[in-house]
N, C-alpha and C. Protein backbone atom coordinates (compact mmCIF):
# COMPACT_ATOMS: atom_id res chain seq x y z
N MET A 1 18.98 128.52 66.80
CA MET A 1 18.29 127.57 67.65
C MET A 1 18.77 126.17 67.28
N ASN A 2 19.13 125.38 68.27
CA ASN A 2 19.62 124.04 67.97
C ASN A 2 18.47 123.07 67.73
N ALA A 3 18.80 121.91 67.23
CA ALA A 3 17.78 120.93 66.83
C ALA A 3 16.94 120.48 68.01
N LYS A 4 17.55 120.32 69.17
CA LYS A 4 16.80 119.87 70.35
C LYS A 4 15.71 120.87 70.71
N LYS A 5 16.07 122.15 70.72
CA LYS A 5 15.08 123.17 71.05
C LYS A 5 14.00 123.27 69.98
N MET A 6 14.38 123.07 68.72
CA MET A 6 13.39 123.12 67.64
C MET A 6 12.39 121.97 67.78
N LEU A 7 12.89 120.77 68.05
CA LEU A 7 11.99 119.63 68.22
C LEU A 7 11.10 119.81 69.45
N GLN A 8 11.68 120.30 70.53
CA GLN A 8 10.87 120.54 71.73
C GLN A 8 9.77 121.55 71.44
N ALA A 9 10.10 122.62 70.75
CA ALA A 9 9.10 123.65 70.42
C ALA A 9 8.00 123.07 69.52
N HIS A 10 8.40 122.26 68.54
CA HIS A 10 7.41 121.65 67.64
C HIS A 10 6.46 120.73 68.40
N PHE A 11 7.02 119.81 69.17
CA PHE A 11 6.16 118.86 69.89
C PHE A 11 5.33 119.55 70.97
N GLN A 12 5.88 120.60 71.58
CA GLN A 12 5.09 121.34 72.57
C GLN A 12 3.92 122.04 71.90
N ALA A 13 4.16 122.64 70.72
CA ALA A 13 3.08 123.30 69.98
C ALA A 13 2.01 122.29 69.56
N MET A 14 2.43 121.12 69.09
CA MET A 14 1.46 120.10 68.70
C MET A 14 0.69 119.59 69.92
N HIS A 15 1.38 119.42 71.05
CA HIS A 15 0.73 118.98 72.29
C HIS A 15 -0.34 119.99 72.70
N ASP A 16 0.00 121.28 72.66
CA ASP A 16 -0.95 122.32 73.03
C ASP A 16 -2.13 122.38 72.07
N ALA A 17 -1.85 122.22 70.78
CA ALA A 17 -2.93 122.25 69.78
C ALA A 17 -3.89 121.09 69.98
N HIS A 18 -3.38 119.91 70.25
CA HIS A 18 -4.25 118.76 70.48
C HIS A 18 -5.02 118.90 71.79
N SER A 19 -4.41 119.53 72.79
CA SER A 19 -5.13 119.77 74.05
C SER A 19 -6.31 120.70 73.83
N THR A 20 -6.08 121.76 73.06
CA THR A 20 -7.15 122.71 72.76
C THR A 20 -8.25 122.04 71.95
N ALA A 21 -7.86 121.29 70.92
CA ALA A 21 -8.85 120.63 70.07
C ALA A 21 -9.62 119.57 70.85
N MET A 22 -8.96 118.87 71.75
CA MET A 22 -9.61 117.83 72.53
C MET A 22 -10.69 118.41 73.43
N SER A 23 -10.46 119.60 73.95
CA SER A 23 -11.44 120.21 74.86
C SER A 23 -12.71 120.64 74.14
N GLU A 24 -12.68 120.72 72.80
CA GLU A 24 -13.85 121.13 72.04
C GLU A 24 -14.83 119.99 71.80
N TYR A 25 -14.41 118.74 72.07
CA TYR A 25 -15.27 117.59 71.83
C TYR A 25 -15.67 116.94 73.15
N ASP A 26 -16.80 116.29 73.13
CA ASP A 26 -17.28 115.57 74.31
C ASP A 26 -16.43 114.34 74.54
N SER A 27 -16.27 113.99 75.81
CA SER A 27 -15.51 112.81 76.15
C SER A 27 -16.22 111.58 75.59
N GLY A 28 -15.45 110.66 75.04
CA GLY A 28 -16.03 109.44 74.48
C GLY A 28 -16.24 109.49 72.98
N THR A 29 -16.13 110.67 72.36
CA THR A 29 -16.29 110.75 70.91
C THR A 29 -14.99 110.34 70.22
N ILE A 30 -15.10 110.02 68.95
CA ILE A 30 -13.92 109.61 68.17
C ILE A 30 -12.91 110.75 68.10
N GLU A 31 -13.40 111.97 67.89
CA GLU A 31 -12.51 113.12 67.78
C GLU A 31 -11.75 113.36 69.09
N HIS A 32 -12.46 113.26 70.20
CA HIS A 32 -11.85 113.45 71.52
C HIS A 32 -10.76 112.40 71.73
N GLY A 33 -11.06 111.15 71.38
CA GLY A 33 -10.08 110.08 71.53
C GLY A 33 -8.85 110.28 70.65
N PHE A 34 -9.08 110.77 69.40
CA PHE A 34 -7.97 111.03 68.51
C PHE A 34 -7.03 112.09 69.08
N HIS A 35 -7.59 113.21 69.52
CA HIS A 35 -6.74 114.29 70.04
C HIS A 35 -6.06 113.90 71.35
N LYS A 36 -6.73 113.08 72.15
CA LYS A 36 -6.13 112.61 73.39
C LYS A 36 -4.92 111.72 73.08
N ALA A 37 -5.08 110.81 72.11
CA ALA A 37 -3.97 109.93 71.73
C ALA A 37 -2.82 110.72 71.10
N ALA A 38 -3.16 111.71 70.26
CA ALA A 38 -2.13 112.52 69.61
C ALA A 38 -1.36 113.36 70.64
N ARG A 39 -2.07 113.86 71.64
CA ARG A 39 -1.42 114.64 72.70
C ARG A 39 -0.44 113.76 73.47
N ALA A 40 -0.86 112.52 73.77
CA ALA A 40 0.02 111.59 74.48
C ALA A 40 1.24 111.23 73.62
N ALA A 41 1.03 111.08 72.31
CA ALA A 41 2.14 110.76 71.41
C ALA A 41 3.15 111.91 71.37
N CYS A 42 2.66 113.13 71.37
CA CYS A 42 3.57 114.29 71.37
C CYS A 42 4.39 114.34 72.66
N ALA A 43 3.75 114.06 73.78
CA ALA A 43 4.48 114.05 75.06
C ALA A 43 5.53 112.95 75.06
N ALA A 44 5.19 111.78 74.52
CA ALA A 44 6.16 110.69 74.45
C ALA A 44 7.31 111.04 73.50
N SER A 45 7.01 111.73 72.41
CA SER A 45 8.04 112.12 71.46
C SER A 45 9.01 113.12 72.07
N MET A 46 8.49 114.06 72.85
CA MET A 46 9.37 115.03 73.52
C MET A 46 10.32 114.30 74.47
N GLU A 47 9.80 113.34 75.20
CA GLU A 47 10.62 112.59 76.14
C GLU A 47 11.66 111.75 75.40
N ALA A 48 11.25 111.11 74.30
CA ALA A 48 12.17 110.28 73.53
C ALA A 48 13.29 111.13 72.91
N CYS A 49 12.95 112.33 72.43
CA CYS A 49 13.97 113.21 71.85
C CYS A 49 15.01 113.60 72.89
N ASN A 50 14.55 113.91 74.09
CA ASN A 50 15.48 114.27 75.15
C ASN A 50 16.41 113.12 75.49
N LYS A 51 15.85 111.91 75.59
CA LYS A 51 16.67 110.76 75.95
C LYS A 51 17.64 110.41 74.83
N SER A 52 17.19 110.46 73.59
CA SER A 52 18.07 110.07 72.48
C SER A 52 19.20 111.08 72.28
N ALA A 53 18.96 112.32 72.62
CA ALA A 53 20.01 113.33 72.49
C ALA A 53 20.95 113.30 73.68
N GLY A 54 20.67 112.46 74.67
CA GLY A 54 21.52 112.37 75.85
C GLY A 54 21.37 113.56 76.76
N MET A 55 20.24 114.24 76.69
CA MET A 55 20.05 115.45 77.48
C MET A 55 19.32 115.20 78.80
N GLU A 56 19.05 113.96 79.13
CA GLU A 56 18.33 113.67 80.35
C GLU A 56 19.24 113.11 81.44
N ASP A 57 20.51 113.41 81.38
CA ASP A 57 21.38 112.93 82.44
C ASP A 57 21.31 113.86 83.64
N ASP A 58 21.80 113.38 84.78
CA ASP A 58 21.69 114.14 86.02
C ASP A 58 22.44 115.46 85.99
N LEU A 59 23.57 115.51 85.28
CA LEU A 59 24.36 116.73 85.25
C LEU A 59 23.59 117.87 84.60
N ASN A 60 22.91 117.60 83.48
CA ASN A 60 22.16 118.65 82.81
C ASN A 60 20.94 119.09 83.62
N LYS A 61 20.38 118.19 84.43
CA LYS A 61 19.26 118.59 85.29
C LYS A 61 19.75 119.52 86.39
N LEU A 62 20.95 119.25 86.92
CA LEU A 62 21.47 120.08 88.00
C LEU A 62 22.05 121.40 87.49
N MET A 63 22.78 121.35 86.38
CA MET A 63 23.45 122.54 85.88
C MET A 63 23.45 122.50 84.35
N PRO A 64 22.43 123.08 83.68
CA PRO A 64 22.43 123.07 82.22
C PRO A 64 23.57 123.93 81.66
N LEU A 65 24.01 123.58 80.45
CA LEU A 65 25.09 124.33 79.81
C LEU A 65 24.58 125.69 79.34
N PRO A 66 25.41 126.72 79.40
CA PRO A 66 25.02 128.04 78.88
C PRO A 66 24.86 127.99 77.37
N ASP A 67 24.12 128.94 76.82
CA ASP A 67 23.96 129.02 75.37
C ASP A 67 25.33 129.19 74.72
N GLY A 68 25.52 128.52 73.60
CA GLY A 68 26.78 128.58 72.88
C GLY A 68 27.72 127.44 73.21
N LEU A 69 27.47 126.70 74.30
CA LEU A 69 28.29 125.55 74.64
C LEU A 69 27.48 124.28 74.39
N SER A 70 28.15 123.23 74.00
CA SER A 70 27.48 121.99 73.67
C SER A 70 28.31 120.82 74.13
N VAL A 71 27.65 119.74 74.54
CA VAL A 71 28.36 118.53 74.90
C VAL A 71 28.67 117.70 73.66
N LEU A 72 28.14 118.10 72.51
CA LEU A 72 28.30 117.33 71.29
C LEU A 72 29.35 117.89 70.33
N THR A 73 29.79 119.11 70.52
CA THR A 73 30.72 119.73 69.59
C THR A 73 32.03 120.06 70.30
N PRO A 74 33.12 120.23 69.56
CA PRO A 74 34.39 120.56 70.19
C PRO A 74 34.37 121.95 70.81
N THR A 75 35.34 122.20 71.66
CA THR A 75 35.43 123.48 72.35
C THR A 75 35.78 124.58 71.35
N PRO A 76 35.05 125.69 71.37
CA PRO A 76 35.37 126.80 70.45
C PRO A 76 36.71 127.44 70.80
N PRO A 77 37.35 128.09 69.82
CA PRO A 77 38.63 128.75 70.10
C PRO A 77 38.47 129.86 71.15
N GLY A 78 39.47 130.06 71.94
CA GLY A 78 39.44 131.13 72.93
C GLY A 78 38.99 130.66 74.30
N ILE A 79 38.55 129.42 74.42
CA ILE A 79 38.13 128.89 75.72
C ILE A 79 39.20 127.92 76.18
N ARG A 80 39.65 128.10 77.42
CA ARG A 80 40.72 127.25 77.95
C ARG A 80 40.16 126.27 78.96
N MET A 81 40.79 125.11 79.06
CA MET A 81 40.42 124.14 80.07
C MET A 81 40.92 124.63 81.43
N VAL A 82 40.21 124.26 82.47
CA VAL A 82 40.63 124.57 83.83
C VAL A 82 41.04 123.25 84.47
N PRO A 83 42.30 123.14 84.90
CA PRO A 83 42.76 121.87 85.47
C PRO A 83 42.11 121.58 86.82
N ARG A 84 41.92 120.32 87.09
CA ARG A 84 41.41 119.89 88.39
C ARG A 84 42.57 119.74 89.37
N ALA A 85 42.24 119.70 90.64
CA ALA A 85 43.27 119.56 91.66
C ALA A 85 43.99 118.23 91.48
N GLY A 86 45.32 118.26 91.46
CA GLY A 86 46.11 117.05 91.32
C GLY A 86 46.37 116.64 89.88
N GLN A 87 45.78 117.32 88.93
CA GLN A 87 45.98 116.99 87.52
C GLN A 87 47.32 117.50 87.04
N GLN A 88 47.92 116.77 86.10
CA GLN A 88 49.16 117.25 85.50
C GLN A 88 48.88 118.55 84.77
N PRO A 89 49.85 119.46 84.70
CA PRO A 89 49.61 120.72 84.01
C PRO A 89 49.29 120.51 82.53
N ILE A 90 48.41 121.33 82.02
CA ILE A 90 48.02 121.26 80.61
C ILE A 90 49.06 122.01 79.80
N PRO A 91 49.69 121.36 78.81
CA PRO A 91 50.73 122.05 78.04
C PRO A 91 50.13 123.14 77.15
N GLU A 92 50.88 124.21 76.96
CA GLU A 92 50.43 125.29 76.08
C GLU A 92 50.34 124.80 74.64
N ARG A 93 51.28 123.96 74.26
CA ARG A 93 51.29 123.38 72.91
C ARG A 93 51.17 121.87 73.06
N PRO A 94 50.51 121.23 72.12
CA PRO A 94 50.39 119.78 72.21
C PRO A 94 51.75 119.10 72.08
N ASN A 95 51.91 117.98 72.75
CA ASN A 95 53.15 117.21 72.68
C ASN A 95 53.10 116.35 71.41
N VAL A 96 53.58 116.93 70.31
CA VAL A 96 53.52 116.28 69.01
C VAL A 96 54.93 116.14 68.47
N PRO A 97 55.29 114.98 67.93
CA PRO A 97 56.62 114.85 67.31
C PRO A 97 56.81 115.88 66.20
N SER A 98 58.05 116.29 65.99
CA SER A 98 58.33 117.39 65.06
C SER A 98 57.87 117.10 63.63
N GLU A 99 57.88 115.84 63.20
CA GLU A 99 57.46 115.55 61.83
C GLU A 99 55.95 115.72 61.63
N PHE A 100 55.19 115.77 62.72
CA PHE A 100 53.74 115.94 62.61
C PHE A 100 53.25 117.32 63.04
N GLU A 101 54.16 118.23 63.39
CA GLU A 101 53.76 119.54 63.87
C GLU A 101 52.94 120.32 62.84
N LYS A 102 53.23 120.12 61.57
CA LYS A 102 52.50 120.84 60.53
C LYS A 102 51.01 120.48 60.55
N LEU A 103 50.67 119.29 60.99
CA LEU A 103 49.28 118.84 61.02
C LEU A 103 48.46 119.51 62.13
N VAL A 104 49.11 119.94 63.19
CA VAL A 104 48.38 120.50 64.33
C VAL A 104 48.60 121.99 64.54
N THR A 105 49.40 122.64 63.71
CA THR A 105 49.62 124.08 63.89
C THR A 105 48.35 124.84 63.53
N VAL A 106 48.14 125.95 64.22
CA VAL A 106 46.98 126.79 64.01
C VAL A 106 47.46 128.15 63.52
N ASP A 107 46.93 128.57 62.41
CA ASP A 107 47.27 129.88 61.87
C ASP A 107 46.42 130.92 62.58
N GLU A 108 47.03 131.76 63.38
CA GLU A 108 46.32 132.75 64.19
C GLU A 108 45.53 133.75 63.34
N ASP A 109 45.97 134.00 62.09
CA ASP A 109 45.27 134.95 61.23
C ASP A 109 43.88 134.47 60.87
N HIS A 110 43.67 133.15 60.76
CA HIS A 110 42.37 132.62 60.39
C HIS A 110 41.39 132.63 61.56
N LEU A 111 41.87 132.68 62.79
CA LEU A 111 40.99 132.67 63.95
C LEU A 111 40.39 134.04 64.23
N ALA A 112 41.05 135.09 63.81
CA ALA A 112 40.58 136.44 64.13
C ALA A 112 39.45 136.86 63.24
């Protein structure tokens, strides 16, 4: 489970707990006010976590990423880019000068 989902689950659980506790007290009491404020703080924290993680953009609302893919980490091995129309072809090997090839070579035995 990633950190975003863990924080969402935590704040959602706290929000639900404060909602339940708030319903046990009469409106206007100190306890009712405390749980009402705590519930609002949890809702604000969930929203702030989403915004700070950059997860509230329009693209994620329209089409969320599948599990295992992330906008924050590099592409895992075995996944290839798909070129867009009009884009230059993607080279099979990076265009690296020969003196630097050792820095970018991938040992296939370690990937398996």
